[in-house]
Protein backbone atom coordinates (compact mmCIF):
# COMPACT_ATOMS: atom_id res chain seq x y z
CA MET A 1 -161.64 156.22 125.48
CA VAL A 2 -162.75 158.06 122.35
CA ALA A 3 -160.29 158.24 119.46
CA ALA A 4 -159.35 161.69 118.26
CA PRO A 5 -160.90 162.53 114.89
CA ARG A 6 -158.52 162.13 111.96
CA ASP A 7 -158.02 164.96 109.52
CA LEU A 8 -158.85 163.43 106.17
CA ARG A 9 -158.07 166.49 104.06
CA GLU A 10 -154.66 165.10 103.12
CA HIS A 11 -156.45 162.27 101.32
CA ALA A 12 -158.30 164.68 99.04
CA ALA A 13 -157.05 166.36 95.90
CA PRO A 14 -155.99 170.01 96.24
CA ASP A 15 -159.42 171.08 94.95
CA GLY A 16 -161.09 169.11 97.75
CA THR A 17 -162.38 166.23 95.65
CA VAL A 18 -161.87 162.68 96.85
CA THR A 19 -161.74 159.52 94.79
CA LEU A 20 -163.52 156.69 96.55
CA LEU A 21 -163.06 152.98 95.99
CA PHE A 22 -165.48 150.47 97.47
CA SER A 23 -164.72 146.77 97.36
CA ASP A 24 -166.69 143.73 98.41
CA VAL A 25 -166.18 139.96 98.20
CA GLU A 26 -168.81 138.44 95.96
CA ASP A 27 -170.83 135.74 97.74
CA SER A 28 -168.82 135.71 100.97
CA SER A 29 -171.68 134.24 103.02
CA PRO A 30 -171.39 130.80 101.37
CA ILE A 31 -167.68 130.78 102.27
CA PHE A 32 -168.60 131.13 105.95
CA GLU A 33 -171.37 128.55 105.57
CA ARG A 34 -169.08 126.03 103.88
CA LEU A 35 -165.92 126.52 105.94
CA GLY A 36 -167.19 127.72 109.29
CA ASP A 37 -166.33 131.02 110.94
CA ILE A 38 -162.73 130.29 111.95
CA ARG A 39 -161.47 129.03 108.57
CA ALA A 40 -163.52 131.58 106.62
CA GLN A 41 -162.09 134.40 108.71
CA GLU A 42 -158.59 133.17 107.82
CA ILE A 43 -159.57 133.49 104.15
CA ILE A 44 -160.89 137.01 104.78
CA ARG A 45 -157.65 137.96 106.54
CA GLY A 46 -155.76 136.87 103.41
CA HIS A 47 -158.17 138.94 101.32
CA ASN A 48 -157.59 141.95 103.57
CA ALA A 49 -153.81 141.60 103.24
CA ILE A 50 -154.05 141.61 99.43
CA ILE A 51 -156.29 144.68 99.43
CA ARG A 52 -154.10 146.57 101.91
CA GLU A 53 -150.95 145.83 99.93
CA GLN A 54 -152.48 147.42 96.83
CA ILE A 55 -153.79 150.39 98.82
CA THR A 56 -150.27 151.01 100.13
CA LEU A 57 -148.68 150.68 96.68
CA GLN A 58 -151.02 153.34 95.26
CA LYS A 59 -150.90 155.65 98.29
CA GLY A 60 -154.54 155.20 99.18
CA PHE A 61 -156.07 155.61 102.61
CA GLU A 62 -158.22 152.92 104.20
CA VAL A 63 -161.18 154.82 105.56
CA LYS A 64 -162.77 151.67 106.91
CA SER A 65 -163.00 147.93 106.53
CA MET A 66 -166.45 146.44 106.67
CA GLY A 67 -166.09 142.68 107.12
CA ASP A 68 -165.29 141.56 103.59
CA GLY A 69 -165.20 145.01 102.01
CA PHE A 70 -163.31 148.26 102.11
CA MET A 71 -163.87 151.97 101.66
CA VAL A 72 -160.66 153.60 100.42
CA ALA A 73 -159.91 157.25 99.63
CA PHE A 74 -157.39 158.60 97.14
CA SER A 75 -156.27 162.10 96.29
CA SER A 76 -155.64 160.85 92.74
CA ALA A 77 -158.31 159.33 90.51
CA ARG A 78 -155.61 157.63 88.45
CA ARG A 79 -154.03 155.95 91.49
CA ALA A 80 -157.47 154.71 92.57
CA VAL A 81 -158.02 152.96 89.21
CA LEU A 82 -154.48 151.54 89.31
CA CYS A 83 -155.22 150.23 92.80
CA ALA A 84 -158.43 148.57 91.59
CA ILE A 85 -156.56 146.98 88.69
CA GLY A 86 -153.83 145.77 91.05
CA ILE A 87 -156.46 144.26 93.33
CA GLN A 88 -158.15 142.40 90.49
CA ARG A 89 -154.85 141.11 89.13
CA ALA A 90 -153.78 139.95 92.60
CA PHE A 91 -157.05 138.08 93.09
CA ALA A 92 -156.82 136.53 89.61
CA ALA A 93 -153.40 135.14 90.64
CA TYR A 94 -154.85 134.02 93.99
CA CYS A 95 -157.70 132.18 92.23
CA GLU A 96 -155.21 130.37 89.98
CA GLN A 97 -153.53 128.99 93.10
CA HIS A 98 -156.76 128.35 95.02
CA ARG A 99 -159.14 126.89 92.45
CA ASP A 100 -161.06 125.08 95.19
CA LEU A 101 -161.94 128.34 96.96
CA PRO A 102 -161.69 131.35 94.64
CA ILE A 103 -162.27 134.86 95.96
CA ARG A 104 -163.91 137.24 93.54
CA VAL A 105 -163.99 140.92 94.42
CA ARG A 106 -166.26 143.58 92.99
CA ILE A 107 -165.09 147.18 92.92
CA GLY A 108 -166.77 150.52 92.27
CA LEU A 109 -165.18 153.96 91.97
CA HIS A 110 -166.40 157.52 91.85
CA VAL A 111 -164.84 160.93 92.42
CA GLY A 112 -166.45 164.02 93.86
CA GLU A 113 -166.72 166.42 96.74
CA THR A 114 -167.38 164.93 100.15
CA ILE A 115 -168.07 165.95 103.70
CA ASN A 116 -165.21 165.14 106.08
CA GLU A 117 -166.66 164.54 109.52
CA SER A 118 -165.85 162.28 112.46
CA ALA A 119 -162.89 160.69 110.66
CA ASP A 120 -165.07 159.56 107.76
CA PHE A 121 -166.32 160.77 104.40
CA PHE A 122 -170.00 161.40 103.74
CA GLY A 123 -172.20 162.75 100.98
CA LYS A 124 -173.48 162.03 97.52
CA ALA A 125 -170.07 161.05 96.11
CA VAL A 126 -169.68 158.38 98.79
CA ILE A 127 -173.14 156.98 98.20
CA LEU A 128 -172.60 156.91 94.42
CA ALA A 129 -169.32 155.01 94.79
CA ALA A 130 -170.97 152.45 97.07
CA ARG A 131 -173.96 152.01 94.72
CA ILE A 132 -171.63 151.53 91.74
CA ALA A 133 -169.67 148.86 93.64
CA ALA A 134 -172.90 147.05 94.46
CA LEU A 135 -173.65 146.72 90.74
CA ALA A 136 -170.26 145.21 89.90
CA ARG A 137 -169.79 141.48 89.53
CA GLY A 138 -166.86 139.57 90.99
CA GLY A 139 -163.68 140.38 89.09
CA GLU A 140 -165.17 143.60 87.75
CA ILE A 141 -164.25 147.26 88.21
CA LEU A 142 -167.08 149.70 87.51
CA VAL A 143 -166.51 153.44 87.39
CA SER A 144 -168.67 156.50 86.96
CA SER A 145 -168.47 158.58 83.82
CA THR A 146 -166.69 161.25 85.85
CA MET A 147 -163.97 158.75 86.81
CA ARG A 148 -163.59 157.58 83.24
CA ASP A 149 -163.35 161.15 81.94
CA LEU A 150 -160.63 162.03 84.47
CA THR A 151 -158.48 158.97 83.91
CA GLU A 152 -158.67 157.94 80.27
CA THR A 153 -156.71 160.83 78.75
CA ALA A 154 -153.24 159.32 79.29
CA GLY A 155 -154.28 156.43 77.05
CA ASP A 156 -153.07 153.55 79.22
CA LEU A 157 -156.31 153.06 81.18
CA ARG A 158 -159.12 151.66 79.07
CA TYR A 159 -162.83 151.32 79.62
CA VAL A 160 -165.85 149.70 78.02
CA GLU A 161 -169.21 151.37 78.34
CA VAL A 162 -171.66 149.33 80.41
CA GLY A 163 -174.57 151.66 79.80
CA GLU A 164 -176.94 153.85 81.74
CA THR A 165 -178.54 152.72 84.97
CA HIS A 166 -180.72 154.07 87.72
CA LEU A 167 -179.01 154.02 91.10
CA LYS A 168 -181.17 153.60 94.18
CA GLY A 169 -181.98 156.95 95.76
CA PHE A 170 -180.79 159.08 92.83
CA ALA A 171 -182.84 160.84 90.20
CA GLY A 172 -181.94 160.30 86.58
CA VAL A 173 -179.47 157.84 85.18
CA GLN A 174 -175.76 157.28 85.65
CA ARG A 175 -173.51 156.15 82.81
CA LEU A 176 -171.13 153.43 83.98
CA TYR A 177 -167.94 152.00 82.50
CA ARG A 178 -166.00 148.80 83.13
CA ALA A 179 -162.25 149.21 83.54
CA ILE A 180 -160.25 146.79 81.40
CA TRP A 181 -157.55 145.21 83.47
């Protein structure tokens, strides 16, 4: 049975742009190696619950879960950053209670126009968000300059410039910022 395609337009801003958040557990393979599949999967389920709680709080939409990572869409750039901050704060609290097995999550965000097809988002904005997430370290939130420009004006979200970088598959450089949480 084939699932009916979802209409993802409601997860975009009125102008059609989508804010995308990609997350990934840093060094998850050693967790599986050390604990074995069954225990490690229990840890990942706990990770997933923390992520999903923050997604719900900020009215995000889980596009897909990819093992130890997520692709999440938001119609609001601000809510996406607040979600990322909530995720990092929740994992900081988790690590305080689980010093023997900390989970460190890296997050990347970008906003732009996407292609909505087959219940998924595609296009340059998606690829940029994923590439930005891949550059983040555990406990870090990296955002594109576009994200920073859209979300810093209220004054309560703060960023530190990371610098310019070349992202695989893209011409030129991208200026990235670290969200202070």
